[in-house]
Every structure is written in structure tokens, then in C-alpha cells.
Amino acid sequence: MVDLNNSISQLQEKLTALLKQYAQMEKENQQLKATVAQQLGVQQDLEAKVKEGQAQLTAAQMNQGASMDPAEKAKLVKKIDQYLKEIDNSINNLNP
């Protein structure tokens, strides 16, 4: 009978420990979900800024493009493409 009581007591202790561990894991999970949501918000903001910058850049190119030499225009397009690649790489680095 004593062994049965000891076994039940040990089982209860293990169950209590598991429940505490589960509660900690749930708390950590909620924190991680909040972090992911925050990072997604930051990513969306950055993407919106990139799109806005691209639109402004396109408008500036159109205004300048009429009076530019084709060689200068090609250099400018190459620089812009380079900047866009760097921005894309930065955004990709933010994604886990």
C-alpha cells in the first residue's frame, strides 16, 4: 500500500512539473507569435517604403529621361537596378 501511495505521489509530482513546463512553453509561444507579428508589420512597412521609393524614382526618371543622353540613361538605369537589388536583399535578410 505504501508503494502505491509513493507511486501516486511521484506521478502527481511529475504531472505538476509537466503542467508548469507546458505553461512556460505556452507563454514563450505567445511571445514568439507577437514577435513574428511585429516583424511582419516591419516588413510590410519596408515593402511599402520601397514601392513608394520606386514610384518616386520612376517619376524622376521620366522627368529627367527626356533630356538625357542614351548612354547616361543606361548608366542611370544600371545604378537604379543595383539599388533595387540591394533593397531586395535587405528585405530578404529581414525575413527569418
C-alpha atoms as a PDB file:
ATOM      1  CA  MET A   1       0.000   0.000   0.000  1.00  0.00           C
ATOM      2  CA  VAL A   2       2.908   2.328   0.766  1.00  0.00           C
ATOM      3  CA  ASP A   3       4.400   1.668  -2.681  1.00  0.00           C
ATOM      4  CA  LEU A   4       1.107   2.576  -4.295  1.00  0.00           C
ATOM      5  CA  ASN A   5       0.953   5.864  -2.384  1.00  0.00           C
ATOM      6  CA  ASN A   6       4.579   6.623  -3.305  1.00  0.00           C
ATOM      7  CA  SER A   7       3.878   5.856  -6.959  1.00  0.00           C
ATOM      8  CA  ILE A   8       0.822   8.101  -6.972  1.00  0.00           C
ATOM      9  CA  SER A   9       2.776  10.857  -5.231  1.00  0.00           C
ATOM     10  CA  GLN A  10       5.619  10.623  -7.743  1.00  0.00           C
ATOM     11  CA  LEU A  11       3.117  10.626 -10.602  1.00  0.00           C
ATOM     12  CA  GLN A  12       1.472  13.753  -9.224  1.00  0.00           C
ATOM     13  CA  GLU A  13       4.852  15.478  -8.898  1.00  0.00           C
ATOM     14  CA  LYS A  14       5.727  14.613 -12.486  1.00  0.00           C
ATOM     15  CA  LEU A  15       2.329  15.788 -13.679  1.00  0.00           C
ATOM     16  CA  THR A  16       2.740  19.078 -11.818  1.00  0.00           C
ATOM     17  CA  ALA A  17       6.186  19.572 -13.336  1.00  0.00           C
ATOM     18  CA  LEU A  18       4.831  18.852 -16.815  1.00  0.00           C
ATOM     19  CA  LEU A  19       1.968  21.294 -16.334  1.00  0.00           C
ATOM     20  CA  LYS A  20       4.404  24.018 -15.253  1.00  0.00           C
ATOM     21  CA  GLN A  21       6.600  23.293 -18.260  1.00  0.00           C
ATOM     22  CA  TYR A  22       3.554  23.415 -20.533  1.00  0.00           C
ATOM     23  CA  ALA A  23       2.527  26.800 -19.115  1.00  0.00           C
ATOM     24  CA  GLN A  24       6.043  28.156 -19.717  1.00  0.00           C
ATOM     25  CA  MET A  25       6.024  26.850 -23.280  1.00  0.00           C
ATOM     26  CA  GLU A  26       2.624  28.425 -23.930  1.00  0.00           C
ATOM     27  CA  LYS A  27       3.903  31.768 -22.644  1.00  0.00           C
ATOM     28  CA  GLU A  28       7.005  31.551 -24.836  1.00  0.00           C
ATOM     29  CA  ASN A  29       4.852  30.578 -27.813  1.00  0.00           C
ATOM     30  CA  GLN A  30       2.660  33.659 -27.349  1.00  0.00           C
ATOM     31  CA  GLN A  31       5.751  35.870 -27.115  1.00  0.00           C
ATOM     32  CA  LEU A  32       7.166  34.373 -30.291  1.00  0.00           C
ATOM     33  CA  LYS A  33       3.874  34.869 -32.105  1.00  0.00           C
ATOM     34  CA  ALA A  34       3.858  38.520 -31.031  1.00  0.00           C
ATOM     35  CA  THR A  35       7.430  38.917 -32.289  1.00  0.00           C
ATOM     36  CA  VAL A  36       6.530  37.354 -35.634  1.00  0.00           C
ATOM     37  CA  ALA A  37       3.541  39.666 -35.983  1.00  0.00           C
ATOM     38  CA  GLN A  38       5.721  42.668 -35.200  1.00  0.00           C
ATOM     39  CA  GLN A  39       8.351  41.596 -37.732  1.00  0.00           C
ATOM     40  CA  LEU A  40       5.670  41.123 -40.383  1.00  0.00           C
ATOM     41  CA  GLY A  41       4.484  44.654 -39.696  1.00  0.00           C
ATOM     42  CA  VAL A  42       8.010  45.990 -40.082  1.00  0.00           C
ATOM     43  CA  GLN A  43       8.430  44.027 -43.310  1.00  0.00           C
ATOM     44  CA  GLN A  44       5.188  45.392 -44.726  1.00  0.00           C
ATOM     45  CA  ASP A  45       6.223  48.930 -43.828  1.00  0.00           C
ATOM     46  CA  LEU A  46       9.567  48.456 -45.544  1.00  0.00           C
ATOM     47  CA  GLU A  47       7.933  46.995 -48.632  1.00  0.00           C
ATOM     48  CA  ALA A  48       5.568  49.968 -48.785  1.00  0.00           C
ATOM     49  CA  LYS A  49       8.506  52.361 -48.496  1.00  0.00           C
ATOM     50  CA  VAL A  50      10.350  50.531 -51.266  1.00  0.00           C
ATOM     51  CA  LYS A  51       7.324  50.719 -53.547  1.00  0.00           C
ATOM     52  CA  GLU A  52       6.932  54.408 -52.780  1.00  0.00           C
ATOM     53  CA  GLY A  53      10.613  54.981 -53.495  1.00  0.00           C
ATOM     54  CA  GLN A  54      10.343  53.081 -56.751  1.00  0.00           C
ATOM     55  CA  ALA A  55       7.396  55.209 -57.818  1.00  0.00           C
ATOM     56  CA  GLN A  56       9.251  58.414 -56.977  1.00  0.00           C
ATOM     57  CA  LEU A  57      12.320  57.174 -58.775  1.00  0.00           C
ATOM     58  CA  THR A  58      10.321  56.280 -61.865  1.00  0.00           C
ATOM     59  CA  ALA A  59       8.713  59.716 -61.866  1.00  0.00           C
ATOM     60  CA  ALA A  60      12.112  61.377 -61.530  1.00  0.00           C
ATOM     61  CA  GLN A  61      13.490  59.261 -64.358  1.00  0.00           C
ATOM     62  CA  MET A  62      10.612  60.218 -66.606  1.00  0.00           C
ATOM     63  CA  ASN A  63      11.205  63.888 -65.894  1.00  0.00           C
ATOM     64  CA  GLN A  64      14.938  63.579 -66.496  1.00  0.00           C
ATOM     65  CA  GLY A  65      14.751  60.967 -69.218  1.00  0.00           C
ATOM     66  CA  ALA A  66      13.630  63.280 -71.967  1.00  0.00           C
ATOM     67  CA  SER A  67      16.804  65.359 -71.869  1.00  0.00           C
ATOM     68  CA  MET A  68      19.316  62.557 -71.150  1.00  0.00           C
ATOM     69  CA  ASP A  69      21.859  61.034 -73.441  1.00  0.00           C
ATOM     70  CA  PRO A  70      21.132  57.301 -74.063  1.00  0.00           C
ATOM     71  CA  ALA A  71      24.479  56.313 -72.519  1.00  0.00           C
ATOM     72  CA  GLU A  72      23.736  58.341 -69.390  1.00  0.00           C
ATOM     73  CA  LYS A  73      20.264  56.886 -69.297  1.00  0.00           C
ATOM     74  CA  ALA A  74      21.688  53.341 -69.418  1.00  0.00           C
ATOM     75  CA  LYS A  75      24.088  54.154 -66.571  1.00  0.00           C
ATOM     76  CA  LEU A  76      21.256  55.578 -64.504  1.00  0.00           C
ATOM     77  CA  VAL A  77      19.085  52.511 -65.117  1.00  0.00           C
ATOM     78  CA  LYS A  78      22.002  50.280 -64.116  1.00  0.00           C
ATOM     79  CA  LYS A  79      22.505  52.233 -60.869  1.00  0.00           C
ATOM     80  CA  ILE A  80      18.810  52.096 -60.082  1.00  0.00           C
ATOM     81  CA  ASP A  81      18.728  48.352 -60.681  1.00  0.00           C
ATOM     82  CA  GLN A  82      21.718  47.984 -58.361  1.00  0.00           C
ATOM     83  CA  TYR A  83      19.932  49.969 -55.635  1.00  0.00           C
ATOM     84  CA  LEU A  84      16.785  47.905 -56.036  1.00  0.00           C
ATOM     85  CA  LYS A  85      18.767  44.671 -55.728  1.00  0.00           C
ATOM     86  CA  GLU A  86      20.365  45.951 -52.519  1.00  0.00           C
ATOM     87  CA  ILE A  87      16.955  46.887 -51.126  1.00  0.00           C
ATOM     88  CA  ASP A  88      15.540  43.480 -52.060  1.00  0.00           C
ATOM     89  CA  ASN A  89      18.489  41.764 -50.391  1.00  0.00           C
ATOM     90  CA  SER A  90      17.953  43.844 -47.244  1.00  0.00           C
ATOM     91  CA  ILE A  91      14.288  42.924 -47.142  1.00  0.00           C
ATOM     92  CA  ASN A  92      15.102  39.251 -47.688  1.00  0.00           C
ATOM     93  CA  ASN A  93      17.606  39.392 -44.815  1.00  0.00           C
ATOM     94  CA  LEU A  94      14.846  40.638 -42.524  1.00  0.00           C
ATOM     95  CA  ASN A  95      12.755  37.552 -43.234  1.00  0.00           C
ATOM     96  CA  PRO A  96      13.690  34.655 -40.983  1.00  0.00           C
END
